[in-house]
N, C-alpha and C. Protein backbone atom coordinates (compact mmCIF):
# COMPACT_ATOMS: atom_id res chain seq x y z
N MET A 1 -145.55 -40.13 -27.94
CA MET A 1 -143.75 -40.50 -28.33
C MET A 1 -143.84 -40.39 -29.06
N TYR A 2 -142.79 -38.81 -30.02
CA TYR A 2 -143.44 -39.08 -31.69
C TYR A 2 -141.44 -39.34 -31.63
N PHE A 3 -141.04 -40.11 -32.91
CA PHE A 3 -139.74 -40.16 -33.70
C PHE A 3 -139.98 -39.35 -34.70
N ALA A 4 -139.04 -38.29 -35.36
CA ALA A 4 -138.97 -37.30 -36.00
C ALA A 4 -137.09 -37.36 -37.19
N GLN A 5 -137.16 -38.20 -38.03
CA GLN A 5 -135.89 -37.77 -39.29
C GLN A 5 -135.79 -36.95 -40.12
N ASN A 6 -134.96 -36.08 -40.48
CA ASN A 6 -134.83 -35.45 -41.31
C ASN A 6 -134.12 -35.59 -42.13
N ASP A 7 -134.21 -35.43 -43.69
CA ASP A 7 -132.42 -36.39 -43.99
C ASP A 7 -131.47 -36.47 -44.01
N LYS A 8 -131.53 -35.12 -44.11
CA LYS A 8 -130.00 -34.29 -43.36
C LYS A 8 -129.46 -34.18 -41.72
N ARG A 9 -130.12 -34.78 -41.40
CA ARG A 9 -129.52 -35.22 -39.96
C ARG A 9 -128.99 -36.42 -39.63
N SER A 10 -128.26 -37.13 -39.08
CA SER A 10 -127.20 -38.07 -38.59
C SER A 10 -128.51 -39.02 -37.34
N PHE A 11 -129.27 -37.97 -36.54
CA PHE A 11 -130.14 -38.33 -35.01
C PHE A 11 -131.23 -37.94 -35.40
N HIS A 12 -131.65 -39.31 -34.63
CA HIS A 12 -133.61 -39.16 -34.46
C HIS A 12 -133.84 -38.25 -33.55
N ARG A 13 -134.67 -37.88 -33.97
CA ARG A 13 -135.47 -36.68 -32.81
C ARG A 13 -136.35 -37.04 -32.01
N MET A 14 -136.83 -37.07 -30.79
CA MET A 14 -138.06 -37.06 -30.29
C MET A 14 -138.24 -36.14 -29.59
N GLU A 15 -139.38 -36.20 -29.69
CA GLU A 15 -140.75 -35.24 -29.51
C GLU A 15 -141.12 -35.28 -27.92
N ILE A 16 -140.95 -34.51 -26.16
CA ILE A 16 -140.57 -34.96 -26.07
C ILE A 16 -141.99 -33.28 -24.86
N ASN A 17 -142.31 -32.82 -25.15
CA ASN A 17 -142.18 -30.88 -24.54
C ASN A 17 -142.61 -31.30 -22.85
N LEU A 18 -140.77 -31.37 -22.55
CA LEU A 18 -141.15 -31.56 -21.28
C LEU A 18 -140.52 -30.20 -20.54
N PRO A 19 -140.13 -30.02 -19.25
CA PRO A 19 -140.00 -28.38 -19.24
C PRO A 19 -138.09 -28.15 -18.50
N ILE A 20 -137.92 -27.51 -18.62
CA ILE A 20 -136.80 -27.44 -19.09
C ILE A 20 -136.12 -26.30 -18.10
N GLU A 21 -135.26 -26.00 -17.36
CA GLU A 21 -134.50 -24.85 -17.00
C GLU A 21 -133.01 -25.09 -17.84
N ILE A 22 -133.37 -23.80 -17.90
CA ILE A 22 -132.10 -22.69 -18.99
C ILE A 22 -131.13 -21.57 -17.82
N VAL A 23 -129.74 -21.91 -17.83
CA VAL A 23 -129.23 -20.93 -16.98
C VAL A 23 -128.10 -20.87 -17.24
N LYS A 24 -128.01 -18.95 -17.32
CA LYS A 24 -126.96 -17.95 -17.84
C LYS A 24 -126.83 -17.51 -17.48
N ASP A 25 -125.11 -18.35 -16.55
CA ASP A 25 -124.96 -16.74 -16.19
C ASP A 25 -124.85 -16.92 -14.64
N GLY A 26 -125.82 -17.84 -13.73
CA GLY A 26 -126.60 -17.75 -12.51
C GLY A 26 -128.10 -17.28 -12.96
N VAL A 27 -128.31 -16.99 -13.96
CA VAL A 27 -129.85 -16.99 -13.94
C VAL A 27 -130.72 -17.11 -15.15
N SER A 28 -131.38 -17.90 -14.06
CA SER A 28 -132.40 -19.41 -14.54
C SER A 28 -133.58 -19.13 -15.79
N TYR A 29 -133.65 -19.55 -16.43
CA TYR A 29 -134.45 -18.55 -17.51
C TYR A 29 -136.00 -20.71 -17.60
N PRO A 30 -136.34 -20.27 -18.08
CA PRO A 30 -137.80 -21.71 -17.86
C PRO A 30 -137.75 -21.65 -18.80
N GLY A 31 -138.09 -23.15 -19.70
CA GLY A 31 -138.13 -22.75 -20.74
C GLY A 31 -138.58 -24.62 -21.32
N THR A 32 -139.00 -25.53 -22.07
CA THR A 32 -139.70 -25.94 -22.64
C THR A 32 -139.01 -26.59 -23.33
N CYS A 33 -138.41 -28.33 -23.08
CA CYS A 33 -138.06 -28.87 -24.36
C CYS A 33 -138.65 -29.52 -25.42
N ASN A 34 -138.58 -29.12 -26.62
CA ASN A 34 -139.80 -29.30 -27.55
C ASN A 34 -139.50 -31.41 -28.39
N ASP A 35 -138.01 -30.86 -28.38
CA ASP A 35 -137.46 -32.24 -29.36
C ASP A 35 -136.15 -33.05 -28.11
N LEU A 36 -135.92 -34.01 -28.39
CA LEU A 36 -134.85 -34.23 -28.28
C LEU A 36 -134.17 -35.47 -29.47
N SER A 37 -132.89 -34.90 -29.00
CA SER A 37 -131.66 -35.63 -29.88
C SER A 37 -130.42 -36.30 -29.33
N SER A 38 -130.04 -36.82 -29.26
CA SER A 38 -128.77 -37.73 -29.00
C SER A 38 -127.79 -36.45 -28.75
N THR A 39 -127.61 -35.84 -30.21
CA THR A 39 -126.13 -34.18 -29.84
C THR A 39 -127.14 -32.72 -29.66
N GLY A 40 -128.22 -32.41 -28.85
CA GLY A 40 -128.54 -31.83 -28.86
C GLY A 40 -130.63 -31.30 -28.76
N MET A 41 -131.61 -30.66 -28.22
CA MET A 41 -132.60 -29.98 -29.05
C MET A 41 -132.66 -29.32 -29.09
N ARG A 42 -134.47 -28.77 -29.09
CA ARG A 42 -135.13 -28.04 -29.82
C ARG A 42 -135.89 -27.34 -28.54
N ILE A 43 -135.56 -25.73 -28.10
CA ILE A 43 -135.98 -25.57 -27.08
C ILE A 43 -137.05 -23.86 -26.94
N THR A 44 -138.58 -23.65 -26.34
CA THR A 44 -138.86 -22.89 -26.62
C THR A 44 -138.65 -22.52 -25.29
N PHE A 45 -138.84 -20.27 -24.78
CA PHE A 45 -138.97 -20.00 -23.82
C PHE A 45 -139.04 -18.38 -24.00
N ASN A 46 -140.05 -17.61 -23.04
CA ASN A 46 -140.48 -15.95 -22.76
C ASN A 46 -139.51 -15.49 -23.14
N ASP A 47 -138.00 -15.78 -22.16
CA ASP A 47 -137.19 -14.06 -22.25
C ASP A 47 -136.56 -14.24 -22.73
N SER A 48 -135.95 -12.96 -23.42
CA SER A 48 -135.39 -12.48 -24.44
C SER A 48 -133.96 -12.77 -23.89
N GLY A 49 -133.78 -13.06 -22.78
CA GLY A 49 -132.26 -13.22 -22.28
C GLY A 49 -130.88 -13.79 -23.12
N LEU A 50 -131.31 -14.19 -23.67
CA LEU A 50 -131.11 -15.59 -24.44
C LEU A 50 -130.21 -15.13 -25.85
N ASN A 51 -129.11 -15.52 -25.90
CA ASN A 51 -128.86 -15.02 -28.26
C ASN A 51 -128.91 -16.25 -28.40
N THR A 52 -128.22 -16.31 -29.98
CA THR A 52 -127.26 -16.83 -30.51
C THR A 52 -125.80 -17.22 -30.50
N ASP A 53 -124.55 -18.27 -30.15
CA ASP A 53 -123.66 -18.86 -29.72
C ASP A 53 -123.28 -18.74 -27.61
N GLN A 54 -124.02 -18.07 -27.23
CA GLN A 54 -123.68 -18.34 -25.57
C GLN A 54 -124.08 -19.81 -25.44
N GLN A 55 -123.49 -19.65 -24.20
CA GLN A 55 -123.52 -21.50 -24.02
C GLN A 55 -124.16 -21.47 -22.83
N VAL A 56 -125.63 -22.69 -22.04
CA VAL A 56 -125.92 -22.66 -21.26
C VAL A 56 -125.29 -23.91 -20.10
N GLU A 57 -126.45 -24.36 -19.62
CA GLU A 57 -126.56 -24.84 -18.42
C GLU A 57 -127.88 -25.74 -19.41
N ILE A 58 -128.68 -26.74 -19.26
CA ILE A 58 -129.62 -27.12 -19.20
C ILE A 58 -130.42 -28.26 -18.93
N LEU A 59 -131.19 -27.95 -17.38
CA LEU A 59 -131.57 -28.77 -16.80
C LEU A 59 -133.07 -29.06 -16.98
N LEU A 60 -133.33 -30.53 -17.13
CA LEU A 60 -133.80 -31.34 -17.38
C LEU A 60 -134.58 -32.33 -16.52
N GLU A 61 -135.88 -31.71 -15.49
CA GLU A 61 -135.66 -33.14 -14.95
C GLU A 61 -137.66 -33.41 -14.34
N THR A 62 -137.67 -34.65 -14.21
CA THR A 62 -138.83 -35.07 -14.43
C THR A 62 -139.52 -36.35 -13.89
N THR A 63 -141.07 -36.18 -13.88
CA THR A 63 -141.07 -37.52 -13.13
C THR A 63 -141.78 -38.82 -13.82
N ASP A 64 -141.61 -38.38 -15.16
CA ASP A 64 -142.73 -39.33 -16.29
C ASP A 64 -140.97 -40.73 -15.64
N SER A 65 -141.41 -41.21 -15.71
CA SER A 65 -140.63 -42.72 -15.63
C SER A 65 -139.64 -43.15 -17.77
N ARG A 66 -140.30 -42.93 -18.49
CA ARG A 66 -139.85 -42.67 -19.62
C ARG A 66 -138.56 -41.74 -19.94
N PHE A 67 -137.88 -40.88 -18.79
CA PHE A 67 -137.07 -39.79 -19.24
C PHE A 67 -136.38 -39.97 -18.50
N LEU A 68 -134.60 -40.19 -17.87
CA LEU A 68 -134.06 -39.48 -17.16
C LEU A 68 -133.50 -38.31 -17.15
N PRO A 69 -133.30 -38.31 -15.83
CA PRO A 69 -133.04 -36.57 -15.68
C PRO A 69 -131.92 -36.05 -16.32
N LEU A 70 -131.88 -34.28 -17.55
CA LEU A 70 -130.66 -34.64 -17.71
C LEU A 70 -129.58 -33.20 -17.70
N HIS A 71 -128.75 -33.29 -17.55
CA HIS A 71 -128.28 -32.19 -17.42
C HIS A 71 -127.02 -31.55 -18.20
N ALA A 72 -126.77 -30.88 -18.86
CA ALA A 72 -125.95 -30.52 -20.44
C ALA A 72 -125.30 -29.34 -20.09
N VAL A 73 -124.25 -28.89 -20.55
CA VAL A 73 -123.66 -28.00 -21.13
C VAL A 73 -124.03 -27.84 -22.01
N ALA A 74 -124.37 -26.79 -22.41
CA ALA A 74 -125.08 -27.18 -23.98
C ALA A 74 -124.19 -25.46 -24.95
N LYS A 75 -124.42 -24.77 -26.20
CA LYS A 75 -124.51 -24.08 -27.05
C LYS A 75 -125.72 -23.67 -28.00
N LEU A 76 -126.06 -22.26 -27.89
CA LEU A 76 -127.36 -22.14 -28.66
C LEU A 76 -126.81 -21.94 -29.53
N LEU A 77 -127.11 -22.91 -30.98
CA LEU A 77 -126.75 -22.66 -32.49
C LEU A 77 -127.50 -21.60 -32.44
N ARG A 78 -128.94 -21.09 -32.25
CA ARG A 78 -129.55 -19.49 -33.49
C ARG A 78 -130.35 -19.84 -32.24
N VAL A 79 -130.77 -18.72 -31.65
CA VAL A 79 -132.09 -18.04 -31.13
C VAL A 79 -133.62 -17.36 -32.34
N ASN A 80 -134.54 -17.57 -32.04
CA ASN A 80 -135.54 -17.31 -33.06
C ASN A 80 -136.98 -17.00 -32.47
N GLN A 81 -136.42 -15.28 -32.31
CA GLN A 81 -138.11 -15.11 -32.27
C GLN A 81 -139.82 -16.08 -32.21
N GLU A 82 -140.58 -15.88 -32.22
CA GLU A 82 -141.17 -16.69 -32.64
C GLU A 82 -142.44 -15.45 -33.03
N GLU A 83 -143.50 -15.83 -34.36
CA GLU A 83 -144.61 -15.08 -34.31
C GLU A 83 -146.04 -15.26 -33.17
N GLN A 84 -145.84 -15.98 -32.36
CA GLN A 84 -146.93 -15.85 -31.48
C GLN A 84 -146.11 -15.68 -30.48
N GLY A 85 -145.55 -15.64 -29.85
CA GLY A 85 -144.52 -14.56 -28.78
C GLY A 85 -143.54 -15.86 -28.25
N GLY A 86 -142.40 -15.34 -27.77
CA GLY A 86 -141.43 -16.28 -27.44
C GLY A 86 -140.36 -16.69 -28.22
N TYR A 87 -139.64 -17.31 -27.64
CA TYR A 87 -138.54 -17.51 -28.71
C TYR A 87 -138.37 -18.99 -28.62
N SER A 88 -137.67 -19.38 -29.35
CA SER A 88 -137.35 -20.73 -30.11
C SER A 88 -136.61 -20.98 -30.42
N ALA A 89 -134.85 -21.81 -29.74
CA ALA A 89 -133.31 -22.80 -29.88
C ALA A 89 -133.17 -23.81 -30.49
N ALA A 90 -132.47 -23.93 -31.06
CA ALA A 90 -131.52 -24.68 -31.52
C ALA A 90 -130.38 -25.11 -30.68
N VAL A 91 -129.93 -25.98 -29.73
CA VAL A 91 -129.71 -26.44 -28.76
C VAL A 91 -128.16 -27.60 -29.24
N GLU A 92 -126.87 -27.49 -29.00
CA GLU A 92 -126.19 -28.01 -28.90
C GLU A 92 -125.56 -29.03 -28.02
N PHE A 93 -125.59 -29.47 -27.59
CA PHE A 93 -124.74 -30.35 -26.02
C PHE A 93 -123.19 -30.83 -26.59
N ILE A 94 -122.63 -29.62 -25.31
CA ILE A 94 -121.17 -29.79 -25.13
C ILE A 94 -120.69 -30.77 -24.47
N GLU A 95 -120.89 -30.81 -23.29
CA GLU A 95 -120.97 -31.44 -21.85
C GLU A 95 -122.43 -32.14 -21.17
N LEU A 96 -122.13 -33.78 -21.70
CA LEU A 96 -123.51 -34.30 -20.33
C LEU A 96 -122.96 -34.34 -19.01
N LYS A 97 -123.22 -34.29 -17.71
CA LYS A 97 -123.25 -33.95 -16.21
C LYS A 97 -124.12 -35.14 -16.37
């Protein structure tokens, strides 16, 4: 587990690299949560059906005892296409369920 802090950030980020499910309008997109903070996460995924400013649901289920399951309504703050393929996105939590 790795903790990162940027001087511009108010909250620590925890590198976790766990699988997630991203749901938009009933369509499920598999992805990975790369890092997690109390206000959001950085995710990566392969499908191009997600765009900046969209609201999505994020589901993180894990058997890793270090982490609790997470179900959140979130906003995609920015979505970037990666040079090596796939996409990355900054996510802001709107509601934790």
